[in-house]
Amino acid sequence: MVTVTIPKKEYQRLAEKALRYEYLRQLLEEDVFASPPTKNIKEVMGEFKKTKIYGQNFLKSLEKGLGRSSHFATR
């Protein structure tokens, strides 16, 4: 094995790039286009409300958007 000496800043930059690459690789392994596990708007809204971090305007907008979504459309 050959030893290579590089400045600490260069090492840190390369290590950070490697971590970012690994993070992206893990994300791309997941099925990012999978359908949500539920088609029940009330269930989704309940989960968002339970977090207590979203305002009423956002929740109303979300519910309206979910109602327009073809995934959540009632058949």
Protein backbone atom coordinates (compact mmCIF):
# COMPACT_ATOMS: atom_id res chain seq x y z
CA MET A 1 0.00 0.00 0.00
CA VAL A 2 1.19 3.50 -0.80
CA THR A 3 0.87 6.30 1.75
CA VAL A 4 -0.30 9.67 0.48
CA THR A 5 -0.08 12.82 2.57
CA ILE A 6 -2.66 15.54 1.99
CA PRO A 7 -3.51 18.70 3.92
CA LYS A 8 -6.09 18.36 6.68
CA LYS A 9 -8.53 20.72 4.93
CA GLU A 10 -8.36 18.62 1.77
CA TYR A 11 -8.97 15.46 3.81
CA GLN A 12 -12.00 17.05 5.51
CA ARG A 13 -13.38 18.17 2.15
CA LEU A 14 -13.01 14.67 0.69
CA ALA A 15 -14.50 13.03 3.79
CA GLU A 16 -17.51 15.36 3.62
CA LYS A 17 -18.03 14.53 -0.06
CA ALA A 18 -17.87 10.82 0.75
CA LEU A 19 -20.51 11.22 3.46
CA ARG A 20 -22.80 13.15 1.11
CA TYR A 21 -22.35 10.50 -1.57
CA GLU A 22 -23.19 7.73 0.90
CA TYR A 23 -26.30 9.61 2.06
CA LEU A 24 -27.53 10.05 -1.52
CA ARG A 25 -26.78 6.43 -2.34
CA GLN A 26 -28.91 5.29 0.59
CA LEU A 27 -31.76 7.58 -0.46
CA LEU A 28 -31.70 6.27 -4.00
CA GLU A 29 -31.85 2.67 -2.79
CA GLU A 30 -35.25 3.38 -1.25
CA ASP A 31 -38.40 3.34 -3.33
CA VAL A 32 -39.03 7.09 -3.36
CA PHE A 33 -41.95 6.75 -5.78
CA ALA A 34 -43.87 4.23 -3.68
CA SER A 35 -47.47 5.07 -2.90
CA PRO A 36 -48.26 6.24 0.61
CA PRO A 37 -49.32 3.37 2.88
CA THR A 38 -52.87 4.70 3.28
CA LYS A 39 -55.56 6.20 1.08
CA ASN A 40 -57.58 7.57 3.98
CA ILE A 41 -57.48 11.38 4.10
CA LYS A 42 -58.82 11.49 7.66
CA GLU A 43 -56.04 9.18 8.83
CA VAL A 44 -53.36 11.32 7.16
CA MET A 45 -54.84 14.52 8.57
CA GLY A 46 -55.02 13.00 12.04
CA GLU A 47 -51.32 12.16 11.94
CA PHE A 48 -50.40 15.69 10.85
CA LYS A 49 -52.60 17.21 13.57
CA LYS A 50 -51.07 14.98 16.25
CA THR A 51 -47.65 16.53 15.66
CA LYS A 52 -49.00 19.96 16.69
CA ILE A 53 -46.39 21.69 14.54
CA TYR A 54 -48.62 22.66 11.61
CA GLY A 55 -50.91 25.68 11.57
CA GLN A 56 -54.60 25.57 10.70
CA ASN A 57 -54.06 27.25 7.33
CA PHE A 58 -51.52 24.63 6.31
CA LEU A 59 -53.75 21.79 7.49
CA LYS A 60 -56.73 23.16 5.55
CA SER A 61 -54.59 23.53 2.45
CA LEU A 62 -53.20 20.02 2.87
CA GLU A 63 -56.65 18.52 3.24
CA LYS A 64 -57.84 20.37 0.15
CA GLY A 65 -54.80 19.16 -1.81
CA LEU A 66 -55.25 15.58 -0.66
CA GLY A 67 -58.86 15.76 -1.76
CA ARG A 68 -57.71 16.73 -5.25
CA SER A 69 -55.07 13.99 -5.40
CA SER A 70 -55.83 11.02 -7.63
CA HIS A 71 -54.22 8.74 -5.03
CA PHE A 72 -56.76 9.74 -2.39
CA ALA A 73 -59.75 10.01 -4.72
CA THR A 74 -62.64 7.84 -3.68
CA ARG A 75 -63.65 5.21 -6.20
